[in-house]
């Protein structure tokens, strides 16, 4: 079985990739645009992550064009909300600082490889707020699903603490903010989130928000969580 491949799109021949990216993906390869189609064709579909810098002229067009051939991650030297939203709307699966530490870049790669989205906290919170607004404006369904369905059953598998963490995260709070709010460590928050994602079958925070909205329509998420 082929392993995930990481390609970094260079703006021109002779340019170099960020040192931390090279450290995070020692087997990753730099590629210029004229060779990109050939390199993508060599990789197994669904296993290639393409990293694009916002320093690249026309980067938005490239994200839109290449998003169907690879998982695209956008790296920015100065991340900010509007740019992050632009990257997501173009089809990027991730958006992060170009000089993030190698461990964070590796974690990002794992998330997008499993179908999740990786966003900066400001972009994530904005999307969560927009999602809440859209859900509030959505017309009420003609008939509601019966309580106690699959969504309610999934929430019932969460512990009381996991429900509290899920609600806090869905409000846009970072792991550190949740940890401070609940007087626990960030490592414990991450452990709870891993369990929550697994039990609910979601891949990231945004999917968690959507799941919570659906659960609210069918059955209250606070109903009898596990001890």
Protein backbone atom coordinates (compact mmCIF):
# COMPACT_ATOMS: atom_id res chain seq x y z
CA UNK A 1 0.00 0.00 0.00
CA UNK A 2 1.34 3.40 -0.94
CA UNK A 3 1.88 5.95 1.82
CA UNK A 4 0.63 9.52 1.73
CA UNK A 5 2.74 11.78 -0.46
CA UNK A 6 3.43 15.44 0.31
CA UNK A 7 4.18 17.89 -2.50
CA UNK A 8 5.10 21.54 -2.02
CA UNK A 9 4.30 23.77 -5.00
CA UNK A 10 7.19 26.16 -5.66
CA UNK A 11 6.66 29.57 -7.28
CA UNK A 12 9.66 29.00 -9.57
CA UNK A 13 12.56 26.67 -10.22
CA UNK A 14 15.35 27.08 -7.69
CA UNK A 15 13.05 28.27 -4.88
CA UNK A 16 13.16 26.39 -1.60
CA UNK A 17 10.50 25.03 0.73
CA UNK A 18 10.19 26.35 4.32
CA UNK A 19 12.68 24.62 6.58
CA UNK A 20 10.06 23.50 9.08
CA UNK A 21 7.96 21.94 6.32
CA UNK A 22 11.02 20.01 5.13
CA UNK A 23 11.64 18.88 8.71
CA UNK A 24 8.02 17.79 9.15
CA UNK A 25 8.00 15.82 5.89
CA UNK A 26 11.52 14.59 5.16
CA UNK A 27 10.20 12.48 2.27
CA UNK A 28 8.14 15.37 0.90
CA UNK A 29 9.07 16.74 -2.49
CA UNK A 30 9.11 20.21 -4.01
CA UNK A 31 7.56 20.62 -7.44
CA UNK A 32 7.14 23.46 -9.94
CA UNK A 33 3.87 23.99 -11.73
CA UNK A 34 4.97 22.68 -15.14
CA UNK A 35 5.76 19.30 -13.54
CA UNK A 36 2.81 19.19 -11.16
CA UNK A 37 0.30 17.34 -13.36
CA UNK A 38 2.85 14.60 -14.00
CA UNK A 39 3.64 14.24 -10.29
CA UNK A 40 -0.03 14.10 -9.32
CA UNK A 41 -0.64 11.43 -11.93
CA UNK A 42 2.12 9.29 -10.42
CA UNK A 43 0.58 9.40 -6.94
CA UNK A 44 -2.28 7.15 -5.91
CA UNK A 45 -5.59 9.09 -5.98
CA UNK A 46 -6.61 10.34 -2.56
CA UNK A 47 -3.15 9.95 -1.03
CA UNK A 48 -1.45 13.16 -2.12
CA UNK A 49 -1.42 16.32 -0.03
CA UNK A 50 -0.45 19.43 -1.97
CA UNK A 51 0.89 22.39 0.00
CA UNK A 52 0.48 25.85 -1.56
CA UNK A 53 1.82 29.15 -0.23
CA UNK A 54 -0.16 32.36 -0.43
CA UNK A 55 3.06 33.90 -1.81
CA UNK A 56 2.33 32.02 -5.03
CA UNK A 57 0.71 34.30 -7.61
CA UNK A 58 -2.86 33.19 -8.31
CA UNK A 59 -2.87 30.77 -5.38
CA UNK A 60 -6.67 30.87 -5.06
CA UNK A 61 -7.13 29.74 -8.68
CA UNK A 62 -4.68 26.92 -8.12
CA UNK A 63 -6.50 25.74 -5.02
CA UNK A 64 -9.78 25.68 -6.97
CA UNK A 65 -8.21 23.86 -9.91
CA UNK A 66 -6.18 21.31 -7.96
CA UNK A 67 -8.58 20.56 -5.12
CA UNK A 68 -10.07 17.66 -7.06
CA UNK A 69 -6.70 16.01 -7.63
CA UNK A 70 -5.17 16.30 -4.16
CA UNK A 71 -5.87 17.39 -0.62
CA UNK A 72 -4.80 21.03 -0.70
CA UNK A 73 -3.35 22.84 2.32
CA UNK A 74 -2.67 26.58 2.15
CA UNK A 75 0.24 28.05 4.09
CA UNK A 76 0.43 31.77 4.86
CA UNK A 77 3.27 33.87 6.17
CA UNK A 78 0.74 36.07 7.98
CA UNK A 79 -2.47 34.10 8.56
CA UNK A 80 -5.65 36.11 9.01
CA UNK A 81 -9.36 35.37 8.99
CA UNK A 82 -10.43 36.67 5.58
CA UNK A 83 -7.57 34.93 3.81
CA UNK A 84 -8.36 31.71 5.64
CA UNK A 85 -12.01 31.91 4.62
CA UNK A 86 -10.93 32.55 1.05
CA UNK A 87 -8.76 29.42 1.15
CA UNK A 88 -11.60 27.29 2.54
CA UNK A 89 -14.11 28.62 0.01
CA UNK A 90 -11.67 27.79 -2.79
CA UNK A 91 -11.58 24.18 -1.59
CA UNK A 92 -8.55 23.96 0.70
CA UNK A 93 -8.68 21.32 3.42
CA UNK A 94 -6.26 23.15 5.70
CA UNK A 95 -4.93 26.64 6.40
CA UNK A 96 -1.99 27.34 8.68
CA UNK A 97 1.09 29.47 9.30
CA UNK A 98 3.89 28.78 6.84
CA UNK A 99 6.38 28.59 9.72
CA UNK A 100 4.35 26.46 12.12
CA UNK A 101 6.41 23.96 14.08
CA UNK A 102 6.93 20.57 12.39
CA UNK A 103 4.77 18.74 14.92
CA UNK A 104 1.79 20.96 14.17
CA UNK A 105 2.24 20.51 10.41
CA UNK A 106 2.31 16.75 10.90
CA UNK A 107 -0.84 16.89 13.02
CA UNK A 108 -2.52 18.99 10.33
CA UNK A 109 -1.59 16.41 7.71
CA UNK A 110 -3.17 13.61 9.76
CA UNK A 111 -6.41 15.56 10.19
CA UNK A 112 -6.87 16.37 6.49
CA UNK A 113 -5.84 12.83 5.51
CA UNK A 114 -8.79 11.55 7.55
CA UNK A 115 -11.20 13.93 5.88
CA UNK A 116 -11.15 16.70 8.47
CA UNK A 117 -10.56 20.42 8.13
CA UNK A 118 -7.72 22.31 9.79
CA UNK A 119 -8.34 26.00 10.41
CA UNK A 120 -6.83 28.67 12.60
CA UNK A 121 -8.90 29.42 15.71
CA UNK A 122 -10.18 32.75 14.37
CA UNK A 123 -11.31 31.23 11.06
CA UNK A 124 -12.87 28.28 12.86
CA UNK A 125 -14.81 30.46 15.27
CA UNK A 126 -16.08 32.63 12.41
CA UNK A 127 -17.29 29.57 10.50
CA UNK A 128 -18.93 28.19 13.63
CA UNK A 129 -20.73 31.50 14.19
CA UNK A 130 -21.86 31.58 10.56
CA UNK A 131 -23.09 28.01 10.86
CA UNK A 132 -25.08 28.83 13.99
CA UNK A 133 -26.61 31.87 12.27
CA UNK A 134 -27.56 29.84 9.20
CA UNK A 135 -29.12 27.11 11.33
CA UNK A 136 -31.15 29.65 13.29
CA UNK A 137 -32.50 31.14 10.05
CA UNK A 138 -33.34 27.76 8.56
CA UNK A 139 -37.11 27.06 8.45
CA UNK A 140 -38.30 24.54 11.00
CA UNK A 141 -38.90 21.07 9.51
CA UNK A 142 -42.51 20.09 8.89
CA UNK A 143 -42.09 17.10 11.18
CA UNK A 144 -39.34 16.38 13.67
CA UNK A 145 -37.63 12.99 13.93
CA UNK A 146 -38.78 10.94 16.87
CA UNK A 147 -36.73 11.45 20.02
CA UNK A 148 -34.39 8.64 20.96
CA UNK A 149 -33.10 8.09 17.40
CA UNK A 150 -29.53 7.47 16.27
CA UNK A 151 -28.36 11.01 17.11
CA UNK A 152 -29.73 10.82 20.64
CA UNK A 153 -28.16 7.39 21.09
CA UNK A 154 -24.77 8.74 20.03
CA UNK A 155 -24.98 11.58 22.55
CA UNK A 156 -26.07 9.15 25.25
CA UNK A 157 -22.70 7.41 24.90
CA UNK A 158 -20.86 10.56 25.96
CA UNK A 159 -19.93 11.11 29.57
CA UNK A 160 -21.16 14.22 31.37
CA UNK A 161 -17.69 15.77 31.05
CA UNK A 162 -17.50 14.95 27.34
CA UNK A 163 -20.84 16.70 26.77
CA UNK A 164 -19.46 19.78 28.56
CA UNK A 165 -16.30 19.74 26.43
CA UNK A 166 -18.31 19.27 23.23
CA UNK A 167 -20.53 22.23 24.02
CA UNK A 168 -17.57 24.46 24.89
CA UNK A 169 -15.67 23.53 21.72
CA UNK A 170 -18.79 24.03 19.58
CA UNK A 171 -19.00 27.57 20.94
CA UNK A 172 -15.64 28.27 19.29
CA UNK A 173 -13.41 27.94 22.35
CA UNK A 174 -9.84 26.75 21.86
CA UNK A 175 -8.44 23.75 23.74
CA UNK A 176 -6.67 26.13 26.13
CA UNK A 177 -9.86 28.09 26.79
CA UNK A 178 -11.78 24.88 27.46
CA UNK A 179 -9.02 23.70 29.78
CA UNK A 180 -9.07 26.97 31.73
CA UNK A 181 -12.88 26.97 31.87
CA UNK A 182 -13.09 23.41 33.17
CA UNK A 183 -9.92 23.45 35.32
CA UNK A 184 -8.33 20.56 33.42
CA UNK A 185 -5.20 20.24 31.28
CA UNK A 186 -5.09 20.77 27.52
CA UNK A 187 -3.98 17.15 27.20
CA UNK A 188 -7.17 16.08 28.95
CA UNK A 189 -9.23 18.26 26.61
CA UNK A 190 -7.57 16.60 23.60
CA UNK A 191 -8.28 13.17 25.08
CA UNK A 192 -11.94 14.07 25.59
CA UNK A 193 -12.18 15.42 22.04
CA UNK A 194 -10.69 12.24 20.61
CA UNK A 195 -13.31 10.23 22.44
CA UNK A 196 -16.12 12.61 21.41
CA UNK A 197 -15.15 12.53 17.74
CA UNK A 198 -14.96 8.73 17.82
CA UNK A 199 -18.31 8.25 19.57
CA UNK A 200 -20.15 10.76 17.38
CA UNK A 201 -18.45 9.76 14.14
CA UNK A 202 -17.23 13.29 13.34
CA UNK A 203 -13.81 14.36 12.08
CA UNK A 204 -13.38 17.94 13.26
CA UNK A 205 -14.85 20.82 15.24
CA UNK A 206 -17.05 22.11 12.41
CA UNK A 207 -18.66 18.71 11.94
CA UNK A 208 -19.21 18.64 15.69
CA UNK A 209 -21.20 21.89 15.47
CA UNK A 210 -23.36 20.50 12.67
CA UNK A 211 -23.88 17.26 14.58
CA UNK A 212 -24.94 19.18 17.68
CA UNK A 213 -27.43 21.22 15.65
CA UNK A 214 -28.94 18.04 14.19
CA UNK A 215 -29.06 16.41 17.62
CA UNK A 216 -30.85 19.44 19.06
CA UNK A 217 -33.58 19.05 16.45
CA UNK A 218 -34.14 15.38 17.18
CA UNK A 219 -33.27 14.96 20.83
CA UNK A 220 -31.55 17.05 23.48
CA UNK A 221 -27.79 16.30 23.76
CA UNK A 222 -28.06 16.71 27.50
CA UNK A 223 -30.44 13.81 27.89
CA UNK A 224 -28.96 11.22 30.17
CA UNK A 225 -25.26 11.25 29.25
CA UNK A 226 -23.27 8.28 30.44
CA UNK A 227 -21.69 8.50 33.88
